[in-house]
Amino acid sequence: AYLNEFESDKKKVVLLAVGGNSTFEPEPDLIVGKHKCS
């Protein structure tokens, strides 16, 4: 949904998962087409 709104801006983006984490192991990046989000 972020890409639907802001893809043309071509900015780096991250998602902060605050609370609710059963583990703090690193997660693979989200990949959509040529875009990624850590």
PDB file of all heavy atoms in Angstrom:
ATOM      1  N   ALA A   1       0.830  -1.206   0.000  1.00  0.00           N
ATOM      2  CA  ALA A   1       0.000   0.000   0.000  1.00  0.00           C
ATOM      3  C   ALA A   1       0.869   1.263   0.000  1.00  0.00           C
ATOM      4  O   ALA A   1       0.524   2.263  -0.645  1.00  0.00           O
ATOM      5  CB  ALA A   1      -0.926  -0.010   1.215  1.00  0.00           C
ATOM      6  N   TYR A   2       1.991   1.208   0.707  1.00  0.00           N
ATOM      7  CA  TYR A   2       2.945   2.331   0.674  1.00  0.00           C
ATOM      8  C   TYR A   2       3.405   2.580  -0.759  1.00  0.00           C
ATOM      9  O   TYR A   2       3.457   3.732  -1.220  1.00  0.00           O
ATOM     10  CB  TYR A   2       4.135   2.024   1.582  1.00  0.00           C
ATOM     11  CG  TYR A   2       5.329   2.917   1.351  1.00  0.00           C
ATOM     12  CD1 TYR A   2       5.420   4.164   1.968  1.00  0.00           C
ATOM     13  CD2 TYR A   2       6.369   2.530   0.493  1.00  0.00           C
ATOM     14  CE1 TYR A   2       6.510   5.008   1.732  1.00  0.00           C
ATOM     15  CE2 TYR A   2       7.447   3.353   0.258  1.00  0.00           C
ATOM     16  CZ  TYR A   2       7.522   4.593   0.873  1.00  0.00           C
ATOM     17  OH  TYR A   2       8.595   5.417   0.637  1.00  0.00           O
ATOM     18  N   LEU A   3       3.749   1.517  -1.485  1.00  0.00           N
ATOM     19  CA  LEU A   3       4.198   1.670  -2.868  1.00  0.00           C
ATOM     20  C   LEU A   3       3.081   2.218  -3.755  1.00  0.00           C
ATOM     21  O   LEU A   3       3.343   3.012  -4.682  1.00  0.00           O
ATOM     22  CB  LEU A   3       4.701   0.334  -3.402  1.00  0.00           C
ATOM     23  CG  LEU A   3       6.002  -0.188  -2.774  1.00  0.00           C
ATOM     24  CD1 LEU A   3       6.301  -1.594  -3.258  1.00  0.00           C
ATOM     25  CD2 LEU A   3       7.167   0.751  -3.082  1.00  0.00           C
ATOM     26  N   ASN A   4       1.844   1.814  -3.486  1.00  0.00           N
ATOM     27  CA  ASN A   4       0.727   2.377  -4.254  1.00  0.00           C
ATOM     28  C   ASN A   4       0.642   3.893  -4.083  1.00  0.00           C
ATOM     29  O   ASN A   4       0.210   4.609  -4.994  1.00  0.00           O
ATOM     30  CB  ASN A   4      -0.591   1.738  -3.815  1.00  0.00           C
ATOM     31  CG  ASN A   4      -0.738   0.303  -4.301  1.00  0.00           C
ATOM     32  OD1 ASN A   4      -0.110  -0.106  -5.279  1.00  0.00           O
ATOM     33  ND2 ASN A   4      -1.570  -0.474  -3.625  1.00  0.00           N
ATOM     34  N   GLU A   5       1.037   4.372  -2.935  1.00  0.00           N
ATOM     35  CA  GLU A   5       0.957   5.803  -2.640  1.00  0.00           C
ATOM     36  C   GLU A   5       2.228   6.572  -3.023  1.00  0.00           C
ATOM     37  O   GLU A   5       2.168   7.699  -3.504  1.00  0.00           O
ATOM     38  CB  GLU A   5       0.694   6.008  -1.136  1.00  0.00           C
ATOM     39  CG  GLU A   5      -0.600   5.403  -0.632  1.00  0.00           C
ATOM     40  CD  GLU A   5      -1.814   6.269  -0.949  1.00  0.00           C
ATOM     41  OE1 GLU A   5      -1.624   7.444  -1.347  1.00  0.00           O
ATOM     42  OE2 GLU A   5      -2.940   5.779  -0.790  1.00  0.00           O
ATOM     43  N   PHE A   6       3.408   5.963  -2.771  1.00  0.00           N
ATOM     44  CA  PHE A   6       4.648   6.745  -2.803  1.00  0.00           C
ATOM     45  C   PHE A   6       5.744   6.139  -3.691  1.00  0.00           C
ATOM     46  O   PHE A   6       6.896   6.566  -3.591  1.00  0.00           O
ATOM     47  CB  PHE A   6       5.201   6.895  -1.379  1.00  0.00           C
ATOM     48  CG  PHE A   6       4.226   7.494  -0.414  1.00  0.00           C
ATOM     49  CD1 PHE A   6       3.597   6.697   0.542  1.00  0.00           C
ATOM     50  CD2 PHE A   6       3.925   8.846  -0.448  1.00  0.00           C
ATOM     51  CE1 PHE A   6       2.701   7.238   1.447  1.00  0.00           C
ATOM     52  CE2 PHE A   6       3.029   9.412   0.458  1.00  0.00           C
ATOM     53  CZ  PHE A   6       2.412   8.604   1.403  1.00  0.00           C
ATOM     54  N   GLU A   7       5.439   5.164  -4.526  1.00  0.00           N
ATOM     55  CA  GLU A   7       6.472   4.495  -5.318  1.00  0.00           C
ATOM     56  C   GLU A   7       7.300   5.485  -6.142  1.00  0.00           C
ATOM     57  O   GLU A   7       8.529   5.351  -6.250  1.00  0.00           O
ATOM     58  CB  GLU A   7       5.837   3.463  -6.248  1.00  0.00           C
ATOM     59  CG  GLU A   7       6.866   2.679  -7.066  1.00  0.00           C
ATOM     60  CD  GLU A   7       6.213   1.635  -7.956  1.00  0.00           C
ATOM     61  OE1 GLU A   7       5.026   1.818  -8.302  1.00  0.00           O
ATOM     62  OE2 GLU A   7       6.880   0.642  -8.300  1.00  0.00           O
ATOM     63  N   SER A   8       6.653   6.486  -6.693  1.00  0.00           N
ATOM     64  CA  SER A   8       7.359   7.422  -7.572  1.00  0.00           C
ATOM     65  C   SER A   8       8.391   8.269  -6.831  1.00  0.00           C
ATOM     66  O   SER A   8       9.284   8.855  -7.454  1.00  0.00           O
ATOM     67  CB  SER A   8       6.355   8.347  -8.271  1.00  0.00           C
ATOM     68  OG  SER A   8       5.637   9.111  -7.313  1.00  0.00           O
ATOM     69  N   ASP A   9       8.302   8.330  -5.489  1.00  0.00           N
ATOM     70  CA  ASP A   9       9.269   9.113  -4.717  1.00  0.00           C
ATOM     71  C   ASP A   9      10.633   8.437  -4.634  1.00  0.00           C
ATOM     72  O   ASP A   9      11.639   9.091  -4.327  1.00  0.00           O
ATOM     73  CB  ASP A   9       8.750   9.351  -3.298  1.00  0.00           C
ATOM     74  CG  ASP A   9       7.528  10.256  -3.273  1.00  0.00           C
ATOM     75  OD1 ASP A   9       7.202  10.824  -4.329  1.00  0.00           O
ATOM     76  OD2 ASP A   9       6.904  10.381  -2.197  1.00  0.00           O
ATOM     77  N   LYS A  10      10.669   7.134  -4.842  1.00  0.00           N
ATOM     78  CA  LYS A  10      11.917   6.358  -4.873  1.00  0.00           C
ATOM     79  C   LYS A  10      12.768   6.571  -3.621  1.00  0.00           C
ATOM     80  O   LYS A  10      13.969   6.806  -3.686  1.00  0.00           O
ATOM     81  CB  LYS A  10      12.733   6.699  -6.120  1.00  0.00           C
ATOM     82  CG  LYS A  10      12.017   6.377  -7.421  1.00  0.00           C
ATOM     83  CD  LYS A  10      12.851   6.733  -8.635  1.00  0.00           C
ATOM     84  CE  LYS A  10      12.104   6.394  -9.929  1.00  0.00           C
ATOM     85  NZ  LYS A  10      12.885   6.752 -11.123  1.00  0.00           N
ATOM     86  N   LYS A  11      12.135   6.485  -2.461  1.00  0.00           N
ATOM     87  CA  LYS A  11      12.839   6.671  -1.194  1.00  0.00           C
ATOM     88  C   LYS A  11      13.076   5.337  -0.499  1.00  0.00           C
ATOM     89  O   LYS A  11      12.330   4.372  -0.699  1.00  0.00           O
ATOM     90  CB  LYS A  11      12.027   7.576  -0.260  1.00  0.00           C
ATOM     91  CG  LYS A  11      12.033   9.039  -0.650  1.00  0.00           C
ATOM     92  CD  LYS A  11      11.339   9.886   0.405  1.00  0.00           C
ATOM     93  CE  LYS A  11      12.129   9.931   1.695  1.00  0.00           C
ATOM     94  NZ  LYS A  11      11.491  10.818   2.699  1.00  0.00           N
ATOM     95  N   LYS A  12      14.097   5.316   0.341  1.00  0.00           N
ATOM     96  CA  LYS A  12      14.302   4.166   1.213  1.00  0.00           C
ATOM     97  C   LYS A  12      13.184   4.149   2.250  1.00  0.00           C
ATOM     98  O   LYS A  12      12.768   5.202   2.746  1.00  0.00           O
ATOM     99  CB  LYS A  12      15.658   4.251   1.912  1.00  0.00           C
ATOM    100  CG  LYS A  12      15.932   3.084   2.845  1.00  0.00           C
ATOM    101  CD  LYS A  12      17.336   3.159   3.462  1.00  0.00           C
ATOM    102  CE  LYS A  12      17.566   1.956   4.387  1.00  0.00           C
ATOM    103  NZ  LYS A  12      18.932   1.957   4.974  1.00  0.00           N
ATOM    104  N   VAL A  13      12.694   2.961   2.590  1.00  0.00           N
ATOM    105  CA  VAL A  13      11.608   2.844   3.556  1.00  0.00           C
ATOM    106  C   VAL A  13      11.891   1.674   4.493  1.00  0.00           C
ATOM    107  O   VAL A  13      12.455   0.652   4.082  1.00  0.00           O
ATOM    108  CB  VAL A  13      10.244   2.652   2.844  1.00  0.00           C
ATOM    109  CG1 VAL A  13      10.235   1.403   1.970  1.00  0.00           C
ATOM    110  CG2 VAL A  13       9.100   2.600   3.859  1.00  0.00           C
ATOM    111  N   VAL A  14      11.536   1.845   5.754  1.00  0.00           N
ATOM    112  CA  VAL A  14      11.625   0.764   6.737  1.00  0.00           C
ATOM    113  C   VAL A  14      10.291   0.655   7.463  1.00  0.00           C
ATOM    114  O   VAL A  14       9.523   1.621   7.532  1.00  0.00           O
ATOM    115  CB  VAL A  14      12.747   1.003   7.776  1.00  0.00           C
ATOM    116  CG1 VAL A  14      14.111   0.896   7.139  1.00  0.00           C
ATOM    117  CG2 VAL A  14      12.560   2.338   8.485  1.00  0.00           C
ATOM    118  N   LEU A  15      10.013  -0.529   7.992  1.00  0.00           N
ATOM    119  CA  LEU A  15       8.823  -0.734   8.808  1.00  0.00           C
ATOM    120  C   LEU A  15       9.268  -1.046  10.227  1.00  0.00           C
ATOM    121  O   LEU A  15      10.043  -1.986  10.449  1.00  0.00           O
ATOM    122  CB  LEU A  15       7.960  -1.867   8.253  1.00  0.00           C
ATOM    123  CG  LEU A  15       6.592  -2.054   8.919  1.00  0.00           C
ATOM    124  CD1 LEU A  15       5.546  -2.529   7.905  1.00  0.00           C
ATOM    125  CD2 LEU A  15       6.637  -3.037  10.091  1.00  0.00           C
ATOM    126  N   LEU A  16       8.818  -0.258  11.189  1.00  0.00           N
ATOM    127  CA  LEU A  16       9.131  -0.470  12.592  1.00  0.00           C
ATOM    128  C   LEU A  16       8.004  -1.282  13.225  1.00  0.00           C
ATOM    129  O   LEU A  16       6.866  -0.811  13.293  1.00  0.00           O
ATOM    130  CB  LEU A  16       9.304   0.863  13.330  1.00  0.00           C
ATOM    131  CG  LEU A  16      10.202   1.923  12.684  1.00  0.00           C
ATOM    132  CD1 LEU A  16      10.411   3.084  13.652  1.00  0.00           C
ATOM    133  CD2 LEU A  16      11.529   1.329  12.242  1.00  0.00           C
ATOM    134  N   ALA A  17       8.328  -2.502  13.679  1.00  0.00           N
ATOM    135  CA  ALA A  17       7.357  -3.375  14.352  1.00  0.00           C
ATOM    136  C   ALA A  17       7.517  -3.156  15.854  1.00  0.00           C
ATOM    137  O   ALA A  17       8.432  -3.695  16.477  1.00  0.00           O
ATOM    138  CB  ALA A  17       7.598  -4.832  13.976  1.00  0.00           C
ATOM    139  N   VAL A  18       6.618  -2.355  16.426  1.00  0.00           N
ATOM    140  CA  VAL A  18       6.746  -1.935  17.825  1.00  0.00           C
ATOM    141  C   VAL A  18       5.812  -2.769  18.689  1.00  0.00           C
ATOM    142  O   VAL A  18       4.596  -2.724  18.527  1.00  0.00           O
ATOM    143  CB  VAL A  18       6.414  -0.441  17.989  1.00  0.00           C
ATOM    144  CG1 VAL A  18       6.566  -0.018  19.443  1.00  0.00           C
ATOM    145  CG2 VAL A  18       7.299   0.402  17.079  1.00  0.00           C
ATOM    146  N   GLY A  19       6.403  -3.531  19.632  1.00  0.00           N
ATOM    147  CA  GLY A  19       5.607  -4.450  20.440  1.00  0.00           C
ATOM    148  C   GLY A  19       5.170  -5.645  19.601  1.00  0.00           C
ATOM    149  O   GLY A  19       5.309  -5.673  18.375  1.00  0.00           O
ATOM    150  N   GLY A  20       4.673  -6.674  20.284  1.00  0.00           N
ATOM    151  CA  GLY A  20       4.092  -7.807  19.575  1.00  0.00           C
ATOM    152  C   GLY A  20       5.064  -8.769  18.940  1.00  0.00           C
ATOM    153  O   GLY A  20       4.670  -9.628  18.147  1.00  0.00           O
ATOM    154  N   ASN A  21       6.367  -8.664  19.261  1.00  0.00           N
ATOM    155  CA  ASN A  21       7.369  -9.545  18.647  1.00  0.00           C
ATOM    156  C   ASN A  21       7.673 -10.722  19.561  1.00  0.00           C
ATOM    157  O   ASN A  21       8.169 -10.533  20.673  1.00  0.00           O
ATOM    158  CB  ASN A  21       8.652  -8.760  18.364  1.00  0.00           C
ATOM    159  CG  ASN A  21       8.450  -7.674  17.331  1.00  0.00           C
ATOM    160  OD1 ASN A  21       8.158  -7.960  16.178  1.00  0.00           O
ATOM    161  ND2 ASN A  21       8.582  -6.422  17.756  1.00  0.00           N
ATOM    162  N   SER A  22       7.378 -11.927  19.101  1.00  0.00           N
ATOM    163  CA  SER A  22       7.654 -13.115  19.907  1.00  0.00           C
ATOM    164  C   SER A  22       9.129 -13.486  19.873  1.00  0.00           C
ATOM    165  O   SER A  22       9.608 -14.256  20.701  1.00  0.00           O
ATOM    166  CB  SER A  22       6.817 -14.294  19.414  1.00  0.00           C
ATOM    167  OG  SER A  22       7.089 -14.577  18.060  1.00  0.00           O
ATOM    168  N   THR A  23       9.853 -12.956  18.906  1.00  0.00           N
ATOM    169  CA  THR A  23      11.298 -13.161  18.814  1.00  0.00           C
ATOM    170  C   THR A  23      11.917 -11.897  18.238  1.00  0.00           C
ATOM    171  O   THR A  23      11.258 -11.138  17.512  1.00  0.00           O
ATOM    172  CB  THR A  23      11.644 -14.366  17.918  1.00  0.00           C
ATOM    173  OG1 THR A  23      13.056 -14.426  17.725  1.00  0.00           O
ATOM    174  CG2 THR A  23      10.975 -14.277  16.564  1.00  0.00           C
ATOM    175  N   PHE A  24      13.191 -11.662  18.569  1.00  0.00           N
ATOM    176  CA  PHE A  24      13.879 -10.501  18.030  1.00  0.00           C
ATOM    177  C   PHE A  24      14.941 -10.918  17.015  1.00  0.00           C
ATOM    178  O   PHE A  24      15.874 -10.173  16.728  1.00  0.00           O
ATOM    179  CB  PHE A  24      14.480  -9.671  19.168  1.00  0.00           C
ATOM    180  CG  PHE A  24      13.431  -8.935  19.941  1.00  0.00           C
ATOM    181  CD1 PHE A  24      12.878  -9.498  21.078  1.00  0.00           C
ATOM    182  CD2 PHE A  24      12.960  -7.713  19.510  1.00  0.00           C
ATOM    183  CE1 PHE A  24      11.897  -8.843  21.788  1.00  0.00           C
ATOM    184  CE2 PHE A  24      11.965  -7.039  20.207  1.00  0.00           C
ATOM    185  CZ  PHE A  24      11.430  -7.607  21.355  1.00  0.00           C
ATOM    186  N   GLU A  25      14.778 -12.116  16.451  1.00  0.00           N
ATOM    187  CA  GLU A  25      15.646 -12.527  15.352  1.00  0.00           C
ATOM    188  C   GLU A  25      15.401 -11.624  14.148  1.00  0.00           C
ATOM    189  O   GLU A  25      14.273 -11.166  13.904  1.00  0.00           O
ATOM    190  CB  GLU A  25      15.358 -13.977  14.961  1.00  0.00           C
ATOM    191  CG  GLU A  25      15.804 -15.009  15.967  1.00  0.00           C
ATOM    192  CD  GLU A  25      15.652 -16.421  15.420  1.00  0.00           C
ATOM    193  OE1 GLU A  25      16.272 -16.730  14.386  1.00  0.00           O
ATOM    194  OE2 GLU A  25      14.900 -17.203  16.010  1.00  0.00           O
ATOM    195  N   PRO A  26      16.432 -11.349  13.345  1.00  0.00           N
ATOM    196  CA  PRO A  26      16.249 -10.526  12.146  1.00  0.00           C
ATOM    197  C   PRO A  26      15.250 -11.161  11.180  1.00  0.00           C
ATOM    198  O   PRO A  26      15.171 -12.385  11.061  1.00  0.00           O
ATOM    199  CB  PRO A  26      17.655 -10.473  11.532  1.00  0.00           C
ATOM    200  CG  PRO A  26      18.582 -10.776  12.664  1.00  0.00           C
ATOM    201  CD  PRO A  26      17.841 -11.729  13.558  1.00  0.00           C
ATOM    202  N   GLU A  27      14.487 -10.321  10.521  1.00  0.00           N
ATOM    203  CA  GLU A  27      13.518 -10.775   9.519  1.00  0.00           C
ATOM    204  C   GLU A  27      14.057 -10.498   8.118  1.00  0.00           C
ATOM    205  O   GLU A  27      14.720  -9.474   7.895  1.00  0.00           O
ATOM    206  CB  GLU A  27      12.195 -10.026   9.690  1.00  0.00           C
ATOM    207  CG  GLU A  27      11.463 -10.314  10.975  1.00  0.00           C
ATOM    208  CD  GLU A  27      10.759 -11.660  10.960  1.00  0.00           C
ATOM    209  OE1 GLU A  27      10.569 -12.215   9.851  1.00  0.00           O
ATOM    210  OE2 GLU A  27      10.396 -12.141  12.045  1.00  0.00           O
ATOM    211  N   PRO A  28      13.757 -11.377   7.156  1.00  0.00           N
ATOM    212  CA  PRO A  28      14.125 -11.065   5.764  1.00  0.00           C
ATOM    213  C   PRO A  28      13.399  -9.799   5.306  1.00  0.00           C
ATOM    214  O   PRO A  28      12.289  -9.500   5.762  1.00  0.00           O
ATOM    215  CB  PRO A  28      13.623 -12.295   4.983  1.00  0.00           C
ATOM    216  CG  PRO A  28      13.434 -13.366   6.007  1.00  0.00           C
ATOM    217  CD  PRO A  28      13.093 -12.685   7.290  1.00  0.00           C
ATOM    218  N   ASP A  29      14.045  -9.049   4.415  1.00  0.00           N
ATOM    219  CA  ASP A  29      13.401  -7.854   3.875  1.00  0.00           C
ATOM    220  C   ASP A  29      12.108  -8.226   3.149  1.00  0.00           C
ATOM    221  O   ASP A  29      11.979  -9.320   2.580  1.00  0.00           O
ATOM    222  CB  ASP A  29      14.332  -7.154   2.882  1.00  0.00           C
ATOM    223  CG  ASP A  29      15.528  -6.502   3.561  1.00  0.00           C
ATOM    224  OD1 ASP A  29      15.471  -6.267   4.780  1.00  0.00           O
ATOM    225  OD2 ASP A  29      16.522  -6.229   2.853  1.00  0.00           O
ATOM    226  N   LEU A  30      11.155  -7.309   3.165  1.00  0.00           N
ATOM    227  CA  LEU A  30       9.971  -7.438   2.318  1.00  0.00           C
ATOM    228  C   LEU A  30      10.381  -7.056   0.898  1.00  0.00           C
ATOM    229  O   LEU A  30      11.043  -6.035   0.689  1.00  0.00           O
ATOM    230  CB  LEU A  30       8.868  -6.504   2.807  1.00  0.00           C
ATOM    231  CG  LEU A  30       8.402  -6.679   4.257  1.00  0.00           C
ATOM    232  CD1 LEU A  30       7.435  -5.557   4.642  1.00  0.00           C
ATOM    233  CD2 LEU A  30       7.746  -8.035   4.467  1.00  0.00           C
ATOM    234  N   ILE A  31      10.007  -7.882  -0.072  1.00  0.00           N
ATOM    235  CA  ILE A  31      10.372  -7.628  -1.470  1.00  0.00           C
ATOM    236  C   ILE A  31       9.100  -7.542  -2.308  1.00  0.00           C
ATOM    237  O   ILE A  31       8.286  -8.469  -2.309  1.00  0.00           O
ATOM    238  CB  ILE A  31      11.276  -8.743  -2.033  1.00  0.00           C
ATOM    239  CG1 ILE A  31      12.536  -8.909  -1.166  1.00  0.00           C
ATOM    240  CG2 ILE A  31      11.642  -8.438  -3.482  1.00  0.00           C
ATOM    241  CD1 ILE A  31      13.465  -7.729  -1.185  1.00  0.00           C
ATOM    242  N   VAL A  32       8.938  -6.435  -2.994  1.00  0.00           N
ATOM    243  CA  VAL A  32       7.822  -6.264  -3.932  1.00  0.00           C
ATOM    244  C   VAL A  32       8.416  -5.703  -5.223  1.00  0.00           C
ATOM    245  O   VAL A  32       8.886  -4.556  -5.251  1.00  0.00           O
ATOM    246  CB  VAL A  32       6.748  -5.304  -3.373  1.00  0.00           C
ATOM    247  CG1 VAL A  32       5.666  -5.060  -4.429  1.00  0.00           C
ATOM    248  CG2 VAL A  32       6.133  -5.862  -2.096  1.00  0.00           C
ATOM    249  N   GLY A  33       8.424  -6.520  -6.267  1.00  0.00           N
ATOM    250  CA  GLY A  33       9.058  -6.101  -7.514  1.00  0.00           C
ATOM    251  C   GLY A  33      10.526  -5.797  -7.274  1.00  0.00           C
ATOM    252  O   GLY A  33      11.264  -6.621  -6.728  1.00  0.00           O
ATOM    253  N   LYS A  34      10.954  -4.588  -7.637  1.00  0.00           N
ATOM    254  CA  LYS A  34      12.343  -4.175  -7.424  1.00  0.00           C
ATOM    255  C   LYS A  34      12.533  -3.425  -6.104  1.00  0.00           C
ATOM    256  O   LYS A  34      13.621  -2.928  -5.820  1.00  0.00           O
ATOM    257  CB  LYS A  34      12.808  -3.286  -8.586  1.00  0.00           C
ATOM    258  CG  LYS A  34      12.829  -4.004  -9.940  1.00  0.00           C
ATOM    259  CD  LYS A  34      13.304  -3.061 -11.037  1.00  0.00           C
ATOM    260  CE  LYS A  34      13.330  -3.766 -12.386  1.00  0.00           C
ATOM    261  NZ  LYS A  34      13.766  -2.854 -13.479  1.00  0.00           N
ATOM    262  N   HIS A  35      11.493  -3.372  -5.311  1.00  0.00           N
ATOM    263  CA  HIS A  35      11.530  -2.576  -4.084  1.00  0.00           C
ATOM    264  C   HIS A  35      11.707  -3.467  -2.858  1.00  0.00           C
ATOM    265  O   HIS A  35      11.228  -4.605  -2.835  1.00  0.00           O
ATOM    266  CB  HIS A  35      10.239  -1.774  -3.936  1.00  0.00           C
ATOM    267  CG  HIS A  35       9.918  -0.926  -5.122  1.00  0.00           C
ATOM    268  ND1 HIS A  35      10.584   0.240  -5.409  1.00  0.00           N
ATOM    269  CD2 HIS A  35       9.000  -1.095  -6.114  1.00  0.00           C
ATOM    270  CE1 HIS A  35      10.092   0.768  -6.514  1.00  0.00           C
ATOM    271  NE2 HIS A  35       9.124  -0.022  -6.966  1.00  0.00           N
ATOM    272  N   LYS A  36      12.373  -2.938  -1.847  1.00  0.00           N
ATOM    273  CA  LYS A  36      12.518  -3.695  -0.602  1.00  0.00           C
ATOM    274  C   LYS A  36      12.271  -2.793   0.598  1.00  0.00           C
ATOM    275  O   LYS A  36      12.453  -1.568   0.542  1.00  0.00           O
ATOM    276  CB  LYS A  36      13.900  -4.347  -0.497  1.00  0.00           C
ATOM    277  CG  LYS A  36      15.037  -3.398  -0.203  1.00  0.00           C
ATOM    278  CD  LYS A  36      16.335  -4.168   0.038  1.00  0.00           C
ATOM    279  CE  LYS A  36      17.475  -3.223   0.427  1.00  0.00           C
ATOM    280  NZ  LYS A  36      18.726  -3.954   0.744  1.00  0.00           N
ATOM    281  N   CYS A  37      11.856  -3.429   1.685  1.00  0.00           N
ATOM    282  CA  CYS A  37      11.586  -2.724   2.932  1.00  0.00           C
ATOM    283  C   CYS A  37      12.117  -3.582   4.072  1.00  0.00           C
ATOM    284  O   CYS A  37      11.750  -4.752   4.194  1.00  0.00           O
ATOM    285  CB  CYS A  37      10.082  -2.489   3.099  1.00  0.00           C
ATOM    286  SG  CYS A  37       9.596  -1.774   4.679  1.00  0.00           S
ATOM    287  N   SER A  38      12.998  -3.015   4.887  1.00  0.00           N
ATOM    288  CA  SER A  38      13.559  -3.755   6.022  1.00  0.00           C
ATOM    289  C   SER A  38      12.626  -3.646   7.226  1.00  0.00           C
ATOM    290  O   SER A  38      11.935  -2.642   7.420  1.00  0.00           O
ATOM    291  CB  SER A  38      14.936  -3.206   6.397  1.00  0.00           C
ATOM    292  OG  SER A  38      15.847  -3.390   5.326  1.00  0.00           O
TER     293      SER A  38
END
